[in-house]
């Protein structure tokens, strides 16, 4: 018997997500001193029959920057490369998940990071993934220690906002698997939750990152 306190699984369909993103007045940051980067908000699962998940990675402990932290697949845009193309390339390089251009559903707000990047989130539709599907995951172990499919109902929570002496802006974090997911990933997924699940175009670029991510 289902636990009455357990949130119900959330299932999205591709057209629903695309419609929410199509009408979104996206914030485009003008920060020429920052390097452009793209991250992939990748939706997986069998639409109509199974819960929809978002792919999140745990960065390898051997990486020089942000080792061991949770993150969305992504990285710096190459010269002449569009943000959606960079997100798809990074997803393929980190997780072995190659998606066509048609998998791009839209984009969320730009987010300036403390480590010198202008992060642009791209929402992608992958459908079913796994070893018995046409989209098996093959994480690149030099970069990815683990990959998780996080059910959307686990992200459909109110964020925890902290004040710190180093900044006048609130630090955003959300609970995940008994720990905390911090910005910038927390900010990106909170905006996705607000927009796609609740149709609220909530800005997030003002949210702060924890001090340990300022490098």
Protein backbone atom coordinates (compact mmCIF):
# COMPACT_ATOMS: atom_id res chain seq x y z
CA UNK A 1 0.00 0.00 0.00
CA UNK A 2 1.41 3.44 -0.89
CA UNK A 3 2.65 5.62 1.94
CA UNK A 4 0.08 8.46 2.27
CA UNK A 5 2.87 10.87 3.22
CA UNK A 6 4.93 10.11 0.12
CA UNK A 7 4.44 12.71 -2.66
CA UNK A 8 2.87 11.39 -5.84
CA UNK A 9 5.22 10.86 -8.79
CA UNK A 10 5.17 13.63 -11.37
CA UNK A 11 4.97 12.76 -15.05
CA UNK A 12 5.54 15.40 -17.72
CA UNK A 13 5.05 15.20 -21.46
CA UNK A 14 7.33 16.86 -23.97
CA UNK A 15 4.70 19.28 -25.29
CA UNK A 16 3.86 20.46 -21.77
CA UNK A 17 7.46 21.43 -21.04
CA UNK A 18 7.97 23.05 -24.42
CA UNK A 19 4.82 25.16 -23.98
CA UNK A 20 5.96 26.43 -20.58
CA UNK A 21 9.37 27.41 -21.95
CA UNK A 22 8.01 28.98 -25.15
CA UNK A 23 6.17 31.67 -23.22
CA UNK A 24 8.94 32.35 -20.71
CA UNK A 25 10.46 35.89 -20.76
CA UNK A 26 14.02 34.66 -20.30
CA UNK A 27 16.62 36.84 -18.56
CA UNK A 28 19.68 37.40 -20.75
CA UNK A 29 22.61 38.66 -18.71
CA UNK A 30 25.03 41.14 -20.26
CA UNK A 31 28.29 40.14 -18.57
CA UNK A 32 31.12 40.33 -21.14
CA UNK A 33 33.75 39.61 -18.45
CA UNK A 34 32.31 36.13 -17.80
CA UNK A 35 32.97 33.00 -19.84
CA UNK A 36 29.87 31.48 -21.45
CA UNK A 37 28.90 28.01 -20.23
CA UNK A 38 25.94 25.71 -20.83
CA UNK A 39 24.30 23.12 -18.58
CA UNK A 40 21.76 20.47 -19.52
CA UNK A 41 18.51 20.04 -17.58
CA UNK A 42 17.80 16.59 -19.01
CA UNK A 43 14.36 15.03 -18.56
CA UNK A 44 14.23 11.24 -18.69
CA UNK A 45 11.61 8.56 -18.22
CA UNK A 46 8.74 7.12 -20.20
CA UNK A 47 6.14 9.86 -20.65
CA UNK A 48 2.61 8.73 -19.80
CA UNK A 49 3.57 5.69 -17.73
CA UNK A 50 6.51 6.48 -15.46
CA UNK A 51 7.66 9.41 -13.36
CA UNK A 52 9.82 12.02 -15.04
CA UNK A 53 13.34 12.41 -13.65
CA UNK A 54 16.10 14.98 -14.03
CA UNK A 55 19.68 13.78 -14.49
CA UNK A 56 22.12 15.10 -11.87
CA UNK A 57 25.76 14.07 -11.52
CA UNK A 58 28.20 13.88 -8.66
CA UNK A 59 31.45 15.40 -9.89
CA UNK A 60 34.56 13.23 -9.60
CA UNK A 61 36.72 13.76 -6.52
CA UNK A 62 39.82 14.15 -8.72
CA UNK A 63 38.58 17.25 -10.54
CA UNK A 64 40.44 20.48 -9.78
CA UNK A 65 37.28 22.61 -9.53
CA UNK A 66 34.09 21.82 -7.59
CA UNK A 67 35.13 18.22 -6.96
CA UNK A 68 32.56 15.99 -5.29
CA UNK A 69 29.71 18.45 -5.77
CA UNK A 70 26.35 17.74 -7.37
CA UNK A 71 25.99 19.35 -10.76
CA UNK A 72 24.09 19.35 -14.02
CA UNK A 73 26.06 18.06 -17.03
CA UNK A 74 27.71 21.02 -18.70
CA UNK A 75 30.77 23.13 -19.30
CA UNK A 76 32.32 25.98 -21.24
CA UNK A 77 31.02 26.82 -24.72
CA UNK A 78 33.57 26.38 -27.49
CA UNK A 79 34.34 29.26 -29.86
CA UNK A 80 31.48 29.70 -32.33
CA UNK A 81 29.32 27.13 -30.54
CA UNK A 82 25.71 27.90 -29.63
CA UNK A 83 24.52 27.37 -26.07
CA UNK A 84 22.11 24.51 -26.99
CA UNK A 85 24.83 22.78 -29.01
CA UNK A 86 27.28 23.12 -26.10
CA UNK A 87 24.74 21.61 -23.68
CA UNK A 88 24.17 18.62 -25.99
CA UNK A 89 27.91 18.15 -26.53
CA UNK A 90 28.67 18.23 -22.80
CA UNK A 91 25.86 15.77 -22.11
CA UNK A 92 27.32 13.38 -24.67
CA UNK A 93 30.85 13.80 -23.33
CA UNK A 94 29.97 13.41 -19.64
CA UNK A 95 27.21 10.78 -19.78
CA UNK A 96 27.48 9.27 -23.26
CA UNK A 97 23.95 10.52 -23.96
CA UNK A 98 23.83 11.90 -27.51
CA UNK A 99 20.59 13.75 -28.25
CA UNK A 100 19.50 15.39 -31.52
CA UNK A 101 18.83 19.11 -31.90
CA UNK A 102 15.10 18.34 -31.75
CA UNK A 103 15.52 17.29 -28.09
CA UNK A 104 16.03 20.94 -27.09
CA UNK A 105 12.80 22.19 -25.47
CA UNK A 106 13.98 25.67 -24.48
CA UNK A 107 16.18 27.65 -22.10
CA UNK A 108 16.02 29.13 -18.63
CA UNK A 109 17.54 32.34 -17.26
CA UNK A 110 21.24 33.05 -17.48
CA UNK A 111 22.96 32.69 -14.11
CA UNK A 112 26.28 34.49 -13.38
CA UNK A 113 28.45 32.28 -11.18
CA UNK A 114 31.08 33.28 -8.64
CA UNK A 115 33.63 31.12 -10.45
CA UNK A 116 33.61 33.38 -13.52
CA UNK A 117 31.01 31.83 -15.82
CA UNK A 118 27.72 32.95 -17.30
CA UNK A 119 25.72 29.74 -17.03
CA UNK A 120 22.91 29.18 -19.52
CA UNK A 121 20.59 26.22 -18.73
CA UNK A 122 19.13 24.26 -21.65
CA UNK A 123 16.15 21.95 -21.08
CA UNK A 124 16.35 18.69 -23.05
CA UNK A 125 13.96 15.79 -23.55
CA UNK A 126 15.67 12.38 -23.58
CA UNK A 127 12.79 9.99 -22.95
CA UNK A 128 13.66 6.54 -21.58
CA UNK A 129 17.33 6.00 -20.71
CA UNK A 130 19.26 3.01 -19.43
CA UNK A 131 21.02 -0.09 -20.66
CA UNK A 132 17.86 -1.62 -22.16
CA UNK A 133 16.88 1.48 -24.14
CA UNK A 134 18.25 3.28 -27.18
CA UNK A 135 19.85 5.80 -24.79
CA UNK A 136 22.19 3.95 -22.39
CA UNK A 137 24.18 6.09 -19.97
CA UNK A 138 27.97 5.78 -20.06
CA UNK A 139 29.39 8.24 -17.50
CA UNK A 140 32.90 9.49 -18.14
CA UNK A 141 34.59 8.46 -14.91
CA UNK A 142 37.29 11.12 -15.15
CA UNK A 143 34.55 13.72 -14.63
CA UNK A 144 31.53 11.91 -13.19
CA UNK A 145 31.60 9.86 -10.00
CA UNK A 146 27.89 9.01 -10.18
CA UNK A 147 24.74 9.93 -12.06
CA UNK A 148 21.25 10.06 -10.55
CA UNK A 149 17.77 10.29 -12.00
CA UNK A 150 16.01 12.54 -9.51
CA UNK A 151 12.18 12.26 -9.57
CA UNK A 152 10.57 15.65 -10.04
CA UNK A 153 8.47 15.31 -6.89
CA UNK A 154 11.72 15.37 -4.89
CA UNK A 155 12.54 18.74 -6.44
CA UNK A 156 9.04 20.14 -5.98
CA UNK A 157 9.90 21.64 -2.59
CA UNK A 158 10.32 25.11 -1.18
CA UNK A 159 13.96 26.27 -1.10
CA UNK A 160 15.90 27.06 2.04
CA UNK A 161 17.35 30.60 2.01
CA UNK A 162 20.35 31.53 4.14
CA UNK A 163 22.00 34.83 4.96
CA UNK A 164 25.79 35.04 5.02
CA UNK A 165 28.08 37.90 6.08
CA UNK A 166 29.94 37.79 2.74
CA UNK A 167 26.93 38.82 0.62
CA UNK A 168 23.72 40.84 0.78
CA UNK A 169 21.92 38.25 -1.37
CA UNK A 170 20.32 35.08 0.05
CA UNK A 171 22.02 31.73 -0.52
CA UNK A 172 19.60 29.24 -2.04
CA UNK A 173 19.68 25.52 -1.36
CA UNK A 174 17.16 22.67 -1.63
CA UNK A 175 17.10 19.34 0.21
CA UNK A 176 18.14 16.32 -1.81
CA UNK A 177 18.87 12.74 -0.74
CA UNK A 178 19.46 13.71 2.89
CA UNK A 179 21.85 16.53 2.00
CA UNK A 180 21.66 20.01 0.43
CA UNK A 181 21.82 20.91 -3.24
CA UNK A 182 23.37 24.37 -3.58
CA UNK A 183 23.41 27.09 -6.23
CA UNK A 184 23.99 27.38 -9.08
CA UNK A 185 22.35 23.96 -9.63
CA UNK A 186 19.75 24.63 -6.93
CA UNK A 187 18.84 27.97 -8.51
CA UNK A 188 18.44 26.41 -11.97
CA UNK A 189 16.26 23.53 -10.76
CA UNK A 190 14.19 25.80 -8.54
CA UNK A 191 13.39 27.99 -11.55
CA UNK A 192 12.55 24.90 -13.59
CA UNK A 193 10.20 23.73 -10.83
CA UNK A 194 8.52 27.12 -10.58
CA UNK A 195 8.06 27.54 -14.32
CA UNK A 196 7.25 24.05 -15.57
CA UNK A 197 5.40 22.57 -12.58
CA UNK A 198 3.66 25.71 -11.33
CA UNK A 199 3.74 28.12 -14.30
CA UNK A 200 5.37 30.83 -12.21
CA UNK A 201 8.15 32.75 -14.05
CA UNK A 202 10.34 33.15 -10.96
CA UNK A 203 13.72 34.94 -11.34
CA UNK A 204 16.73 33.29 -9.74
CA UNK A 205 19.83 35.16 -10.95
CA UNK A 206 19.92 37.18 -7.71
CA UNK A 207 20.35 34.10 -5.53
CA UNK A 208 23.79 33.63 -4.01
CA UNK A 209 26.09 30.62 -4.00
CA UNK A 210 27.72 29.24 -0.85
CA UNK A 211 31.20 30.61 -0.16
CA UNK A 212 32.87 27.25 -0.85
CA UNK A 213 31.70 27.57 -4.50
CA UNK A 214 33.36 30.98 -4.96
CA UNK A 215 36.30 29.55 -6.85
